[in-house]
C-alpha atoms as a PDB file:
ATOM      1  CA  MET A   1      12.798  21.867  10.200  1.00  0.00           C
ATOM      2  CA  VAL A   2      12.741  20.110  13.879  1.00  0.00           C
ATOM      3  CA  ALA A   3      10.374  17.842  15.096  1.00  0.00           C
ATOM      4  CA  SER A   4       8.611  19.822  17.191  1.00  0.00           C
ATOM      5  CA  GLU A   5       7.856  22.694  14.459  1.00  0.00           C
ATOM      6  CA  VAL A   6       7.345  19.136  11.874  1.00  0.00           C
ATOM      7  CA  SER A   7       5.081  17.520  14.596  1.00  0.00           C
ATOM      8  CA  GLY A   8       3.080  20.670  15.246  1.00  0.00           C
ATOM      9  CA  ARG A   9       1.962  21.151  11.756  1.00  0.00           C
ATOM     10  CA  THR A  10       0.760  17.300  11.144  1.00  0.00           C
ATOM     11  CA  GLY A  11       0.191  18.391   7.051  1.00  0.00           C
ATOM     12  CA  ALA A  12       4.370  18.589   6.744  1.00  0.00           C
ATOM     13  CA  LEU A  13       4.488  14.171   7.987  1.00  0.00           C
ATOM     14  CA  ARG A  14       0.672  13.527   5.635  1.00  0.00           C
ATOM     15  CA  LEU A  15       3.500  13.094   1.992  1.00  0.00           C
ATOM     16  CA  PRO A  16       6.526  11.102   4.270  1.00  0.00           C
ATOM     17  CA  GLY A  17       3.620   9.093   5.813  1.00  0.00           C
ATOM     18  CA  VAL A  18       1.622   8.112   2.714  1.00  0.00           C
ATOM     19  CA  LEU A  19       4.031   7.119   0.500  1.00  0.00           C
ATOM     20  CA  LEU A  20       5.914   4.942   3.652  1.00  0.00           C
ATOM     21  CA  GLY A  21       2.342   4.050   4.232  1.00  0.00           C
ATOM     22  CA  VAL A  22       1.790   3.179   0.439  1.00  0.00           C
ATOM     23  CA  GLY A  23       5.082   0.974   0.884  1.00  0.00           C
ATOM     24  CA  LEU A  24       4.544  -0.590   3.970  1.00  0.00           C
ATOM     25  CA  GLY A  25       0.937  -1.979   2.435  1.00  0.00           C
ATOM     26  CA  GLY A  26       2.345  -2.688  -1.034  1.00  0.00           C
ATOM     27  CA  PHE A  27       4.930  -4.862   1.061  1.00  0.00           C
ATOM     28  CA  VAL A  28       2.215  -6.310   3.109  1.00  0.00           C
ATOM     29  CA  ASP A  29      -0.043  -7.336   0.248  1.00  0.00           C
ATOM     30  CA  GLY A  30       3.015  -8.719  -1.308  1.00  0.00           C
ATOM     31  CA  ILE A  31       4.614 -10.842   0.930  1.00  0.00           C
ATOM     32  CA  LEU A  32       1.317 -11.807   2.787  1.00  0.00           C
ATOM     33  CA  LEU A  33      -0.499 -12.807  -0.225  1.00  0.00           C
ATOM     34  CA  HIS A  34       1.611 -13.418  -2.942  1.00  0.00           C
ATOM     35  CA  GLN A  35       4.077 -15.346  -1.361  1.00  0.00           C
ATOM     36  CA  VAL A  36       2.958 -16.672   1.890  1.00  0.00           C
ATOM     37  CA  LEU A  37      -0.136 -17.289   1.417  1.00  0.00           C
ATOM     38  CA  GLN A  38      -0.072 -17.770  -2.518  1.00  0.00           C
ATOM     39  CA  TRP A  39      -3.331 -16.137  -3.741  1.00  0.00           C
ATOM     40  CA  HIS A  40      -2.354 -14.474  -6.075  1.00  0.00           C
ATOM     41  CA  HIS A  41       0.793 -12.942  -7.767  1.00  0.00           C
ATOM     42  CA  MET A  42       0.953  -9.477 -10.173  1.00  0.00           C
ATOM     43  CA  LEU A  43      -1.019 -11.085 -13.392  1.00  0.00           C
ATOM     44  CA  THR A  44      -2.739 -14.748 -12.122  1.00  0.00           C
ATOM     45  CA  SER A  45      -5.985 -13.368 -12.903  1.00  0.00           C
ATOM     46  CA  THR A  46      -8.742 -16.727 -14.927  1.00  0.00           C
ATOM     47  CA  ASP A  47     -10.895 -12.833 -16.092  1.00  0.00           C
ATOM     48  CA  SER A  48     -11.028 -13.010 -20.383  1.00  0.00           C
ATOM     49  CA  ASP A  49      -8.649 -11.425 -22.467  1.00  0.00           C
ATOM     50  CA  ASN A  50     -11.248  -8.016 -22.564  1.00  0.00           C
ATOM     51  CA  ILE A  51      -8.385  -5.481 -21.805  1.00  0.00           C
ATOM     52  CA  GLY A  52      -5.413  -7.157 -24.294  1.00  0.00           C
ATOM     53  CA  VAL A  53      -3.403  -8.416 -20.880  1.00  0.00           C
ATOM     54  CA  LYS A  54      -2.356 -11.650 -21.317  1.00  0.00           C
ATOM     55  CA  TYR A  55      -3.118 -13.359 -18.000  1.00  0.00           C
ATOM     56  CA  TYR A  56       0.312 -15.741 -16.396  1.00  0.00           C
ATOM     57  CA  PRO A  57      -1.212 -18.558 -14.993  1.00  0.00           C
ATOM     58  CA  ALA A  58       0.668 -19.525 -11.855  1.00  0.00           C
ATOM     59  CA  ASP A  59       0.336 -23.374 -12.150  1.00  0.00           C
ATOM     60  CA  THR A  60       2.395 -23.296 -15.530  1.00  0.00           C
ATOM     61  CA  VAL A  61       6.554 -22.727 -14.831  1.00  0.00           C
ATOM     62  CA  PRO A  62       6.150 -19.870 -17.910  1.00  0.00           C
ATOM     63  CA  GLY A  63       3.035 -18.701 -16.256  1.00  0.00           C
ATOM     64  CA  LEU A  64       4.945 -18.902 -12.508  1.00  0.00           C
ATOM     65  CA  GLN A  65       8.376 -16.753 -13.880  1.00  0.00           C
ATOM     66  CA  MET A  66       6.228 -14.599 -15.380  1.00  0.00           C
ATOM     67  CA  ASN A  67       4.140 -13.594 -12.559  1.00  0.00           C
ATOM     68  CA  THR A  68       7.451 -13.894 -10.329  1.00  0.00           C
ATOM     69  CA  LEU A  69       9.384 -11.028 -12.306  1.00  0.00           C
ATOM     70  CA  TRP A  70       5.995  -8.576 -11.320  1.00  0.00           C
ATOM     71  CA  ASP A  71       5.580  -9.828  -8.115  1.00  0.00           C
ATOM     72  CA  GLY A  72      10.031  -8.508  -8.206  1.00  0.00           C
ATOM     73  CA  ILE A  73       9.089  -4.880 -10.193  1.00  0.00           C
ATOM     74  CA  PHE A  74       5.849  -4.384  -8.041  1.00  0.00           C
ATOM     75  CA  HIS A  75       8.052  -5.476  -5.182  1.00  0.00           C
ATOM     76  CA  VAL A  76      10.634  -2.237  -6.588  1.00  0.00           C
ATOM     77  CA  VAL A  77       7.862   0.047  -6.395  1.00  0.00           C
ATOM     78  CA  CYS A  78       7.145  -0.681  -2.658  1.00  0.00           C
ATOM     79  CA  TRP A  79      11.131  -0.631  -2.051  1.00  0.00           C
ATOM     80  CA  LEU A  80      10.904   2.565  -4.179  1.00  0.00           C
ATOM     81  CA  ALA A  81       8.079   4.209  -1.650  1.00  0.00           C
ATOM     82  CA  VAL A  82       9.144   3.471   2.037  1.00  0.00           C
ATOM     83  CA  LEU A  83      13.057   4.583   0.266  1.00  0.00           C
ATOM     84  CA  SER A  84      11.090   7.623  -0.890  1.00  0.00           C
ATOM     85  CA  GLY A  85       9.159   8.877   2.090  1.00  0.00           C
ATOM     86  CA  LEU A  86      12.242   7.929   4.543  1.00  0.00           C
ATOM     87  CA  GLY A  87      13.671  10.255   2.534  1.00  0.00           C
ATOM     88  CA  VAL A  88      11.410  12.532   2.369  1.00  0.00           C
ATOM     89  CA  LEU A  89      10.986  12.665   6.524  1.00  0.00           C
ATOM     90  CA  TYR A  90      14.572  12.786   6.649  1.00  0.00           C
ATOM     91  CA  ALA A  91      14.479  15.742   4.731  1.00  0.00           C
ATOM     92  CA  ARG A  92      11.385  17.638   6.904  1.00  0.00           C
ATOM     93  CA  VAL A  93      13.058  16.892  10.398  1.00  0.00           C
ATOM     94  CA  THR A  94      16.329  17.341  11.780  1.00  0.00           C
ATOM     95  CA  ARG A  95      16.635  16.971  14.699  1.00  0.00           C
ATOM     96  CA  ASP A  96      14.546  15.321  17.621  1.00  0.00           C
ATOM     97  CA  ARG A  97      13.116  12.819  15.898  1.00  0.00           C
ATOM     98  CA  ARG A  98      12.545  10.174  18.228  1.00  0.00           C
ATOM     99  CA  ARG A  99       9.416  12.495  18.711  1.00  0.00           C
ATOM    100  CA  VAL A 100       8.514  12.069  14.889  1.00  0.00           C
ATOM    101  CA  TRP A 101       8.336   8.460  15.456  1.00  0.00           C
ATOM    102  CA  THR A 102       5.991   8.577  17.651  1.00  0.00           C
ATOM    103  CA  SER A 103       3.563  10.882  16.421  1.00  0.00           C
ATOM    104  CA  ARG A 104      -0.004  10.119  16.273  1.00  0.00           C
ATOM    105  CA  ALA A 105       0.397  12.267  12.819  1.00  0.00           C
ATOM    106  CA  LEU A 106       2.722  10.675  11.144  1.00  0.00           C
ATOM    107  CA  TRP A 107       1.451   6.947  12.254  1.00  0.00           C
ATOM    108  CA  GLY A 108      -1.872   8.715  11.203  1.00  0.00           C
ATOM    109  CA  TRP A 109      -0.789   9.578   7.442  1.00  0.00           C
ATOM    110  CA  VAL A 110       1.075   5.461   6.896  1.00  0.00           C
ATOM    111  CA  LEU A 111      -2.165   4.022   7.868  1.00  0.00           C
ATOM    112  CA  ALA A 112      -3.897   6.529   5.455  1.00  0.00           C
ATOM    113  CA  GLY A 113      -1.163   5.413   3.084  1.00  0.00           C
ATOM    114  CA  TRP A 114      -1.739   1.494   3.386  1.00  0.00           C
ATOM    115  CA  GLY A 115      -5.395   2.275   2.790  1.00  0.00           C
ATOM    116  CA  LEU A 116      -5.277   5.033  -0.495  1.00  0.00           C
ATOM    117  CA  PHE A 117      -3.252   1.865  -1.660  1.00  0.00           C
ATOM    118  CA  ASN A 118      -5.681  -0.707  -1.347  1.00  0.00           C
ATOM    119  CA  LEU A 119      -8.153   1.219  -2.669  1.00  0.00           C
ATOM    120  CA  VAL A 120      -6.390   1.943  -5.824  1.00  0.00           C
ATOM    121  CA  GLU A 121      -4.667  -1.413  -6.603  1.00  0.00           C
ATOM    122  CA  GLY A 122      -7.616  -2.674  -5.468  1.00  0.00           C
ATOM    123  CA  VAL A 123      -9.748  -0.537  -8.110  1.00  0.00           C
ATOM    124  CA  VAL A 124      -7.177  -0.487 -10.709  1.00  0.00           C
ATOM    125  CA  ASP A 125      -5.657  -4.064 -10.311  1.00  0.00           C
ATOM    126  CA  HIS A 126      -9.267  -6.251  -9.433  1.00  0.00           C
ATOM    127  CA  HIS A 127     -11.998  -4.566 -10.668  1.00  0.00           C
ATOM    128  CA  LEU A 128     -10.970  -2.534 -14.023  1.00  0.00           C
ATOM    129  CA  LEU A 129      -8.141  -4.336 -14.927  1.00  0.00           C
ATOM    130  CA  GLY A 130      -9.002  -7.433 -13.156  1.00  0.00           C
ATOM    131  CA  ILE A 131      -5.103  -8.975 -14.082  1.00  0.00           C
ATOM    132  CA  HIS A 132      -5.974 -10.500 -10.891  1.00  0.00           C
ATOM    133  CA  HIS A 133      -8.850 -11.154  -7.448  1.00  0.00           C
ATOM    134  CA  VAL A 134      -7.586 -11.135  -3.638  1.00  0.00           C
ATOM    135  CA  ARG A 135      -8.475 -14.100  -4.304  1.00  0.00           C
ATOM    136  CA  SER A 136      -9.705 -16.654  -7.232  1.00  0.00           C
ATOM    137  CA  GLY A 137     -12.877 -18.554  -6.857  1.00  0.00           C
ATOM    138  CA  PRO A 138     -15.656 -18.706  -5.768  1.00  0.00           C
ATOM    139  CA  GLY A 139     -16.807 -15.671  -3.318  1.00  0.00           C
ATOM    140  CA  GLN A 140     -13.865 -13.784  -5.468  1.00  0.00           C
ATOM    141  CA  VAL A 141     -15.447 -10.471  -5.604  1.00  0.00           C
ATOM    142  CA  TRP A 142     -16.400 -10.883  -2.071  1.00  0.00           C
ATOM    143  CA  TRP A 143     -12.873 -10.431  -1.220  1.00  0.00           C
ATOM    144  CA  ASP A 144     -12.362  -7.869  -3.316  1.00  0.00           C
ATOM    145  CA  VAL A 145     -14.770  -5.817  -1.948  1.00  0.00           C
ATOM    146  CA  ALA A 146     -13.204  -6.414   1.467  1.00  0.00           C
ATOM    147  CA  PHE A 147     -10.031  -5.609   0.542  1.00  0.00           C
ATOM    148  CA  LEU A 148     -12.167  -2.254  -0.624  1.00  0.00           C
ATOM    149  CA  VAL A 149     -13.762  -2.266   3.154  1.00  0.00           C
ATOM    150  CA  LEU A 150     -10.161  -2.363   4.546  1.00  0.00           C
ATOM    151  CA  GLY A 151      -8.752   0.289   2.712  1.00  0.00           C
ATOM    152  CA  ALA A 152     -11.332   2.396   3.251  1.00  0.00           C
ATOM    153  CA  LEU A 153     -11.145   1.607   7.220  1.00  0.00           C
ATOM    154  CA  LEU A 154      -8.132   2.367   6.856  1.00  0.00           C
ATOM    155  CA  VAL A 155      -8.031   5.851   5.514  1.00  0.00           C
ATOM    156  CA  ALA A 156     -10.475   6.846   7.927  1.00  0.00           C
ATOM    157  CA  GLY A 157      -8.641   5.328  10.951  1.00  0.00           C
ATOM    158  CA  GLY A 158      -5.201   6.919   9.266  1.00  0.00           C
ATOM    159  CA  TRP A 159      -7.381   9.767   9.192  1.00  0.00           C
ATOM    160  CA  LEU A 160      -8.871   9.858  12.333  1.00  0.00           C
ATOM    161  CA  LEU A 161      -5.491   8.845  14.046  1.00  0.00           C
ATOM    162  CA  GLN A 162      -3.641  11.988  12.565  1.00  0.00           C
ATOM    163  CA  ARG A 163      -6.876  14.025  13.183  1.00  0.00           C
ATOM    164  CA  GLY A 164      -5.976  13.461  17.166  1.00  0.00           C
ATOM    165  CA  ALA A 165      -2.258  14.589  16.806  1.00  0.00           C
ATOM    166  CA  PRO A 166      -1.722  17.433  19.438  1.00  0.00           C
ATOM    167  CA  HIS A 167      -1.194  20.925  17.854  1.00  0.00           C
ATOM    168  CA  GLU A 168       1.541  22.740  18.968  1.00  0.00           C
ATOM    169  CA  SER A 169       2.021  26.947  18.666  1.00  0.00           C
END
């Protein structure tokens, strides 16, 4: 399939764009929130053990070792999502790839995928499992809600961006 055929059918870019967005959004979360700002790691919640998950505080050596391991596993999953997205995109576009890389459709789906990452990770990890929060402590619920709002805005913005992409007949 040539790029002009793919760019004319924005649905063909949905899967690779969403996979890339999920992986890249996960990398932003992991690199910025886990490593640079050190606001949380995968298992640093201060919530009670109400679901049978052991929590590992980041202020102990064993806790930091376990969190570093799970942060690494998280990054492997992000890497696999990006690799999969690139593989699917490469398989669907055989010529004129530059045109696809500059298409609003692809980048709209990437933004939507990033937003989906935030929504799923935020609901599951922050609210349902409570294994970590965006930033624990006073006001943690507002940080978690802001993360969800950002995710919803990314999905909406990505959807609008890809909808505005030119369609070829």
